[in-house]
Structures are given as C-alpha cells and as structure tokens.
C-alpha cells in the first residue's frame, strides 16, 4: 500500500470564510434589488395656512382683507396677522367667518407711504410671510386761507373720549351682509382723503376722514349696513366738532360715524338694519352748511368707504 505524504507547508483554502463572504454579498444585492422595486413615499411639510389677499392691487385708502384657511385641528388657534411697513409694526385681529376660515382687515390711509408691506400670518405652528405692494394714489388738495387770529373749534375731552371708544371697537360678531349702501341719496360734495393747505402751509397730519353728502337740511340718513348703535352724542353733551352724532358698530373692527345731524332717531344699544332711518342731515358742530359726513373706520383708522359700497365684503 502506498502512503501519500502531505506537505505541512501547503494549506488548503479556508472554504468556510470564503462562502460566508460570498453569501453576505448575495444577500446585500438581493436586498437592494427588492428596495428598488418598492415605491417610496416622501412626506413633505403640509401647507396648513392658505392665504388670500384682497384686493390684488391695493392702493392707499383701501381696506386689505387677509383671508386665511387653516387645517382643522382639535385645538384651533386663531391666526395672528402682523404687518410691517417702513415705520411701524401693527398686529390686527383675525375673526372667524366660516368653519376653519378667518379674516383680518388691514387699513391703509393717505398719511402712509406707498410701497411693500410684509404681512406675517401665524397659526397652528405654521407661518406665512407675504409681500403686499400698496400703490400710490392721488388725493384732491384744497387750499384754505384763514383770517389772522382765527382759531378753529376744538373738541371737548368728553367728545374725544367717546369717539375714540367707538373707533376702538372690535366686536367678534359680523353684523353686515353684502355691500354697504349710501346713507343719503344726495351727491358727494367732498371725497375721502382730501388734503389741505392752511394759509400756504401743508397740514401733513390732516386728511378728510370720510365722504360728505350735500343733502338738504332734514333729509333722511339711513344705516349703510346692519349693526348696533354704539354712540349717540349731542351738542348739548359737549360734541362741539362732531355735532349731533351717531356711531354704528358693524362688527369685526368696522364702525361708521355720522356727523352734523339735525335729528337722531335711534338710541345707544339699538340694532339697526341696512336702510333703516337713523337721523336727518343738519349743520351742527363744526359745519358751515347742511351736509352729512359719513366716516368708515377699520381697526381704528379712517378708510375709503366707497369700495365698501361697490363690492361685497362677506
């Protein structure tokens, strides 16, 4: 019998290690192939605040509506609207107008400069920042010469306090429906936003805060929209400038004021409907002749009421 001698210097390959490595590589390739056949869904952040700005191209004197749609949640936070312009930051309240829908009003006036406003909307952990361009607008200019030493009529402290309280109202309820109507049928004699020079000097802080109707003495004054009567004042109570005056709260930061009345047909606390008789045109207070001054205020600032007549702001 022949015996084979194995050379101890010659080693056979480690087949077990080789097989393990090869097997592992096969598993990796198989796993990668499986993943390649499975569609992967990528979750993107949900845009929870949908915002619409109305009108699209606002001008000075316009009321800017910020309409906000939010995703329904168990705990709903009311959105916060902050506006930054060239000189200041202002926060305006948002009010519910439908389920999961809110609206805030941004007033603009002739005293501001045109340009971009940065509107920031925050709510439910989300934030939107929008750039809104407010266009310039030409307002009529009047030049008035006063005789030397003539002082204008000054308002009483009581008068100023009551009117300021009216303008500051931000009642959550919305009372008006559809477009506003004219409070008197006469022609408009003085437009909103008129600027003035007194004795050649420009009154930079003045503009006509409303529209004047040239109706005859005693002609009817009606409510332009539904609301609650929040102010009734008379000359006898100290309303030297406004004269006999009525203020109506239309809700959600919108109020009307009617000045220089000859008579008043409502009381504070009354709820009035659009078109309801509230008083008569007169010339009380700081007035040179019979006319109605109608001022419309949004969040404390006098805005142009005419757009509120030409379009429905629901």
Protein backbone atom coordinates (compact mmCIF):
# COMPACT_ATOMS: atom_id res chain seq x y z
CA UNK A 1 0.00 0.00 0.00
CA UNK A 2 1.31 3.37 -0.98
CA UNK A 3 1.08 6.14 1.63
CA UNK A 4 0.70 9.79 0.47
CA UNK A 5 2.61 12.32 2.43
CA UNK A 6 1.08 15.80 2.83
CA UNK A 7 3.44 18.70 2.85
CA UNK A 8 2.75 20.68 6.01
CA UNK A 9 3.73 23.93 4.21
CA UNK A 10 0.86 23.58 1.72
CA UNK A 11 -2.56 24.66 3.27
CA UNK A 12 -5.95 24.20 1.72
CA UNK A 13 -8.06 27.42 1.25
CA UNK A 14 -10.47 28.34 4.05
CA UNK A 15 -13.64 27.44 2.24
CA UNK A 16 -15.91 28.35 5.17
CA UNK A 17 -14.76 32.01 5.29
CA UNK A 18 -14.99 32.36 1.53
CA UNK A 19 -18.55 31.03 1.46
CA UNK A 20 -19.69 33.38 4.25
CA UNK A 21 -18.39 36.50 2.46
CA UNK A 22 -19.88 35.40 -0.84
CA UNK A 23 -23.23 34.63 0.81
CA UNK A 24 -23.29 38.03 2.52
CA UNK A 25 -22.69 39.87 -0.74
CA UNK A 26 -25.53 37.96 -2.37
CA UNK A 27 -27.89 39.00 0.45
CA UNK A 28 -26.89 42.65 0.06
CA UNK A 29 -27.52 42.59 -3.69
CA UNK A 30 -30.87 40.85 -3.23
CA UNK A 31 -31.99 43.35 -0.55
CA UNK A 32 -31.02 46.34 -2.74
CA UNK A 33 -32.91 44.84 -5.65
CA UNK A 34 -36.03 44.43 -3.53
CA UNK A 35 -35.85 48.05 -2.37
CA UNK A 36 -35.54 49.24 -5.96
CA UNK A 37 -38.91 47.64 -6.77
CA UNK A 38 -40.76 49.23 -3.79
CA UNK A 39 -42.17 52.79 -4.32
CA UNK A 40 -41.03 55.12 -1.53
CA UNK A 41 -43.41 57.87 -0.38
CA UNK A 42 -41.65 61.10 0.60
CA UNK A 43 -43.64 63.14 3.12
CA UNK A 44 -43.43 66.88 2.52
CA UNK A 45 -44.47 69.57 5.03
CA UNK A 46 -48.21 70.28 4.80
CA UNK A 47 -49.07 73.89 3.97
CA UNK A 48 -51.61 74.42 6.75
CA UNK A 49 -52.23 78.13 6.10
CA UNK A 50 -53.80 79.08 2.79
CA UNK A 51 -53.90 82.88 2.48
CA UNK A 52 -55.68 85.16 0.01
CA UNK A 53 -55.10 88.93 -0.20
CA UNK A 54 -57.99 91.10 -1.45
CA UNK A 55 -57.78 93.34 -3.46
CA UNK A 56 -54.87 92.06 -5.51
CA UNK A 57 -53.53 95.57 -6.17
CA UNK A 58 -54.49 97.74 -3.18
CA UNK A 59 -53.91 101.49 -3.05
CA UNK A 60 -53.68 103.95 -0.16
CA UNK A 61 -57.08 104.32 1.47
CA UNK A 62 -58.11 100.75 0.65
CA UNK A 63 -59.05 98.09 3.19
CA UNK A 64 -56.92 94.99 2.67
CA UNK A 65 -58.63 91.70 3.51
CA UNK A 66 -56.43 88.81 4.61
CA UNK A 67 -58.49 85.61 4.26
CA UNK A 68 -56.93 82.59 5.97
CA UNK A 69 -57.91 78.94 5.55
CA UNK A 70 -56.49 76.61 8.20
CA UNK A 71 -56.35 72.83 8.55
CA UNK A 72 -58.95 71.56 11.05
CA UNK A 73 -57.43 70.59 14.39
CA UNK A 74 -58.75 69.54 17.77
CA UNK A 75 -57.29 72.68 19.35
CA UNK A 76 -57.72 75.55 16.92
CA UNK A 77 -55.62 78.65 17.44
CA UNK A 78 -56.84 81.93 15.99
CA UNK A 79 -54.31 83.16 13.42
CA UNK A 80 -52.30 86.29 14.18
CA UNK A 81 -51.68 88.86 11.44
CA UNK A 82 -48.77 91.27 11.78
CA UNK A 83 -47.94 93.96 9.24
CA UNK A 84 -44.62 95.72 8.89
CA UNK A 85 -44.18 98.81 6.77
CA UNK A 86 -41.48 101.46 6.56
CA UNK A 87 -42.10 102.92 10.01
CA UNK A 88 -44.02 100.52 12.25
CA UNK A 89 -45.34 97.07 13.06
CA UNK A 90 -49.04 96.53 13.69
CA UNK A 91 -50.99 93.45 14.72
CA UNK A 92 -54.57 93.08 13.53
CA UNK A 93 -57.22 90.69 14.90
CA UNK A 94 -58.46 87.79 12.81
CA UNK A 95 -62.11 86.81 13.16
CA UNK A 96 -63.87 83.60 12.18
CA UNK A 97 -66.06 83.98 9.07
CA UNK A 98 -66.66 80.27 8.34
CA UNK A 99 -65.51 76.88 9.71
CA UNK A 100 -61.69 76.82 9.60
CA UNK A 101 -61.66 80.23 7.87
CA UNK A 102 -60.61 83.57 9.33
CA UNK A 103 -60.22 87.12 8.09
CA UNK A 104 -58.23 90.14 9.23
CA UNK A 105 -58.59 93.68 7.91
CA UNK A 106 -55.56 95.87 7.28
CA UNK A 107 -56.48 99.57 6.93
CA UNK A 108 -54.40 101.96 4.83
CA UNK A 109 -54.61 105.77 4.84
CA UNK A 110 -53.38 108.81 2.89
CA UNK A 111 -50.91 109.53 5.70
CA UNK A 112 -48.91 106.41 4.86
CA UNK A 113 -46.32 105.97 2.16
CA UNK A 114 -46.89 103.60 -0.75
CA UNK A 115 -44.70 100.55 -1.01
CA UNK A 116 -44.33 96.99 0.21
CA UNK A 117 -45.92 95.75 3.41
CA UNK A 118 -44.66 92.49 4.88
CA UNK A 119 -47.69 90.55 6.09
CA UNK A 120 -46.90 87.72 8.51
CA UNK A 121 -49.60 85.18 9.33
CA UNK A 122 -49.02 82.67 12.13
CA UNK A 123 -51.28 79.95 13.46
CA UNK A 124 -51.28 76.27 14.46
CA UNK A 125 -47.49 76.20 14.41
CA UNK A 126 -47.35 77.45 10.81
CA UNK A 127 -46.16 80.77 9.41
CA UNK A 128 -46.61 82.58 6.10
CA UNK A 129 -44.83 85.76 5.05
CA UNK A 130 -46.26 87.68 2.12
CA UNK A 131 -45.09 90.86 0.43
CA UNK A 132 -48.06 93.13 -0.41
CA UNK A 133 -47.45 96.15 -2.62
CA UNK A 134 -49.67 99.13 -1.73
CA UNK A 135 -49.86 101.53 -4.65
CA UNK A 136 -49.82 105.31 -4.52
CA UNK A 137 -52.95 107.36 -5.08
CA UNK A 138 -53.64 110.99 -5.94
CA UNK A 139 -55.87 112.66 -3.36
CA UNK A 140 -57.56 116.02 -4.01
CA UNK A 141 -55.92 119.08 -2.46
CA UNK A 142 -57.68 122.14 -1.07
CA UNK A 143 -56.10 125.49 -0.19
CA UNK A 144 -57.78 127.38 2.62
CA UNK A 145 -56.85 130.86 3.85
CA UNK A 146 -57.90 131.68 7.39
CA UNK A 147 -58.05 135.27 8.66
CA UNK A 148 -55.33 136.21 11.20
CA UNK A 149 -56.06 135.08 14.72
CA UNK A 150 -59.00 132.85 13.81
CA UNK A 151 -58.92 129.62 15.79
CA UNK A 152 -60.88 126.56 14.81
CA UNK A 153 -63.45 124.93 17.05
CA UNK A 154 -61.80 122.48 19.45
CA UNK A 155 -63.34 119.23 20.61
CA UNK A 156 -64.09 118.63 24.28
CA UNK A 157 -62.33 115.88 26.22
CA UNK A 158 -65.62 114.05 26.65
CA UNK A 159 -66.25 114.21 22.90
CA UNK A 160 -62.78 112.90 22.06
CA UNK A 161 -63.06 110.09 24.62
CA UNK A 162 -66.44 108.83 23.38
CA UNK A 163 -65.42 108.92 19.71
CA UNK A 164 -62.13 107.14 20.49
CA UNK A 165 -64.06 104.38 22.27
CA UNK A 166 -66.26 103.94 19.20
CA UNK A 167 -63.32 103.67 16.80
CA UNK A 168 -61.57 101.13 19.03
CA UNK A 169 -64.43 98.59 18.95
CA UNK A 170 -63.50 95.11 17.69
CA UNK A 171 -66.67 93.12 18.29
CA UNK A 172 -66.19 89.46 17.21
CA UNK A 173 -69.65 89.23 15.61
CA UNK A 174 -70.10 90.28 11.98
CA UNK A 175 -73.36 92.19 11.60
CA UNK A 176 -73.26 93.42 7.99
CA UNK A 177 -74.17 91.46 4.87
CA UNK A 178 -73.23 92.12 1.26
CA UNK A 179 -72.19 95.58 0.04
CA UNK A 180 -72.89 98.76 2.04
CA UNK A 181 -75.45 101.26 0.73
CA UNK A 182 -75.26 105.06 0.60
CA UNK A 183 -76.52 106.69 3.82
CA UNK A 184 -78.07 109.55 1.81
CA UNK A 185 -79.22 109.95 -1.81
CA UNK A 186 -77.57 113.34 -2.41
CA UNK A 187 -74.36 113.81 -4.40
CA UNK A 188 -70.97 113.53 -2.71
CA UNK A 189 -69.61 117.06 -2.19
CA UNK A 190 -66.27 116.19 -0.56
CA UNK A 191 -64.41 112.97 -1.28
CA UNK A 192 -62.40 110.82 1.07
CA UNK A 193 -58.75 111.66 1.58
CA UNK A 194 -58.77 115.36 0.63
CA UNK A 195 -55.52 117.03 1.77
CA UNK A 196 -55.29 120.69 2.77
CA UNK A 197 -53.02 123.71 2.87
CA UNK A 198 -53.87 126.29 5.53
CA UNK A 199 -52.50 129.76 4.71
CA UNK A 200 -49.97 128.17 2.39
CA UNK A 201 -48.77 125.58 4.92
CA UNK A 202 -49.44 121.90 4.22
CA UNK A 203 -51.31 120.13 7.04
CA UNK A 204 -49.37 116.87 6.92
CA UNK A 205 -51.48 115.17 9.61
CA UNK A 206 -54.81 116.09 8.05
CA UNK A 207 -56.97 114.28 5.53
CA UNK A 208 -60.74 114.21 5.08
CA UNK A 209 -61.75 111.16 7.06
CA UNK A 210 -64.90 110.21 5.21
CA UNK A 211 -67.25 111.43 2.48
CA UNK A 212 -69.70 114.35 2.62
CA UNK A 213 -73.21 114.19 1.13
CA UNK A 214 -74.73 117.53 0.12
CA UNK A 215 -78.25 116.70 1.21
CA UNK A 216 -80.73 119.32 2.33
CA UNK A 217 -81.44 120.04 5.98
CA UNK A 218 -83.60 117.33 7.48
CA UNK A 219 -83.17 114.87 4.58
CA UNK A 220 -83.05 111.26 5.77
CA UNK A 221 -79.91 109.48 6.90
CA UNK A 222 -80.07 105.68 6.81
CA UNK A 223 -77.77 102.95 8.11
CA UNK A 224 -75.45 101.79 5.30
CA UNK A 225 -75.28 98.33 6.85
CA UNK A 226 -76.59 96.39 9.81
CA UNK A 227 -75.07 96.99 13.21
CA UNK A 228 -75.53 98.07 16.78
CA UNK A 229 -75.74 101.74 17.75
CA UNK A 230 -72.69 102.27 19.96
CA UNK A 231 -72.67 106.09 20.17
CA UNK A 232 -75.29 108.80 20.34
CA UNK A 233 -73.98 112.26 21.13
CA UNK A 234 -75.40 115.78 21.04
CA UNK A 235 -74.13 119.33 21.05
CA UNK A 236 -75.70 119.76 24.48
CA UNK A 237 -73.46 116.95 25.78
CA UNK A 238 -70.31 118.67 24.52
CA UNK A 239 -69.94 117.40 20.96
CA UNK A 240 -68.66 120.72 19.61
CA UNK A 241 -66.90 119.39 16.48
CA UNK A 242 -68.97 116.32 15.57
CA UNK A 243 -72.26 117.99 16.39
CA UNK A 244 -75.18 115.64 16.85
CA UNK A 245 -73.58 112.31 16.04
CA UNK A 246 -74.37 108.61 15.67
CA UNK A 247 -71.87 105.75 15.69
CA UNK A 248 -72.75 102.23 14.49
CA UNK A 249 -70.71 99.13 15.26
CA UNK A 250 -70.86 96.80 12.24
CA UNK A 251 -68.67 94.20 13.96
CA UNK A 252 -65.17 92.79 13.47
CA UNK A 253 -63.44 96.16 13.78
CA UNK A 254 -65.71 98.06 11.33
CA UNK A 255 -67.62 101.14 12.56
CA UNK A 256 -69.49 104.04 10.94
CA UNK A 257 -69.85 107.58 12.24
CA UNK A 258 -72.44 110.15 11.08
CA UNK A 259 -71.84 113.80 11.95
CA UNK A 260 -73.60 117.21 11.96
CA UNK A 261 -77.09 115.71 12.25
CA UNK A 262 -80.22 117.80 12.79
CA UNK A 263 -82.09 114.96 14.47
CA UNK A 264 -81.43 111.48 15.85
CA UNK A 265 -83.93 108.62 15.57
CA UNK A 266 -82.07 105.87 17.48
CA UNK A 267 -80.70 105.18 20.92
CA UNK A 268 -77.48 103.55 22.08
CA UNK A 269 -77.90 99.77 22.12
CA UNK A 270 -80.42 99.69 19.26
CA UNK A 271 -79.77 97.15 16.50
CA UNK A 272 -80.38 98.64 13.05
CA UNK A 273 -80.72 97.06 9.63
CA UNK A 274 -79.31 98.32 6.33
CA UNK A 275 -81.51 101.10 5.01
CA UNK A 276 -83.16 101.86 8.35
CA UNK A 277 -83.76 105.55 9.14
CA UNK A 278 -81.39 106.73 11.89
CA UNK A 279 -81.49 110.55 11.63
CA UNK A 280 -81.60 113.66 9.50
CA UNK A 281 -78.97 115.88 7.82
CA UNK A 282 -78.06 119.07 9.63
CA UNK A 283 -75.29 121.58 10.23
CA UNK A 284 -74.49 121.07 13.91
CA UNK A 285 -70.96 121.15 15.27
CA UNK A 286 -68.05 122.35 13.11
CA UNK A 287 -70.07 122.75 9.94
CA UNK A 288 -70.58 125.67 7.55
CA UNK A 289 -73.77 124.34 5.99
CA UNK A 290 -76.14 121.36 5.91
CA UNK A 291 -74.43 118.14 4.88
CA UNK A 292 -73.81 114.61 6.12
CA UNK A 293 -70.31 113.44 6.98
CA UNK A 294 -70.03 109.64 6.87
CA UNK A 295 -66.80 108.17 8.15
CA UNK A 296 -65.97 104.45 7.98
CA UNK A 297 -63.26 103.16 10.30
CA UNK A 298 -61.49 99.80 10.21
CA UNK A 299 -59.45 98.81 13.26
CA UNK A 300 -59.33 102.43 14.37
CA UNK A 301 -58.27 104.02 11.06
CA UNK A 302 -60.37 106.00 8.60
CA UNK A 303 -60.52 104.21 5.25
CA UNK A 304 -62.28 105.00 1.98
CA UNK A 305 -65.92 103.85 2.34
CA UNK A 306 -66.64 103.90 -1.41
CA UNK A 307 -65.11 100.44 -2.13
CA UNK A 308 -67.37 99.02 0.58
CA UNK A 309 -70.34 100.23 -1.50
CA UNK A 310 -69.08 98.85 -4.80
CA UNK A 311 -68.23 95.33 -3.65
CA UNK A 312 -69.49 92.83 -1.14
CA UNK A 313 -67.05 92.06 1.65
CA UNK A 314 -68.57 88.95 3.17
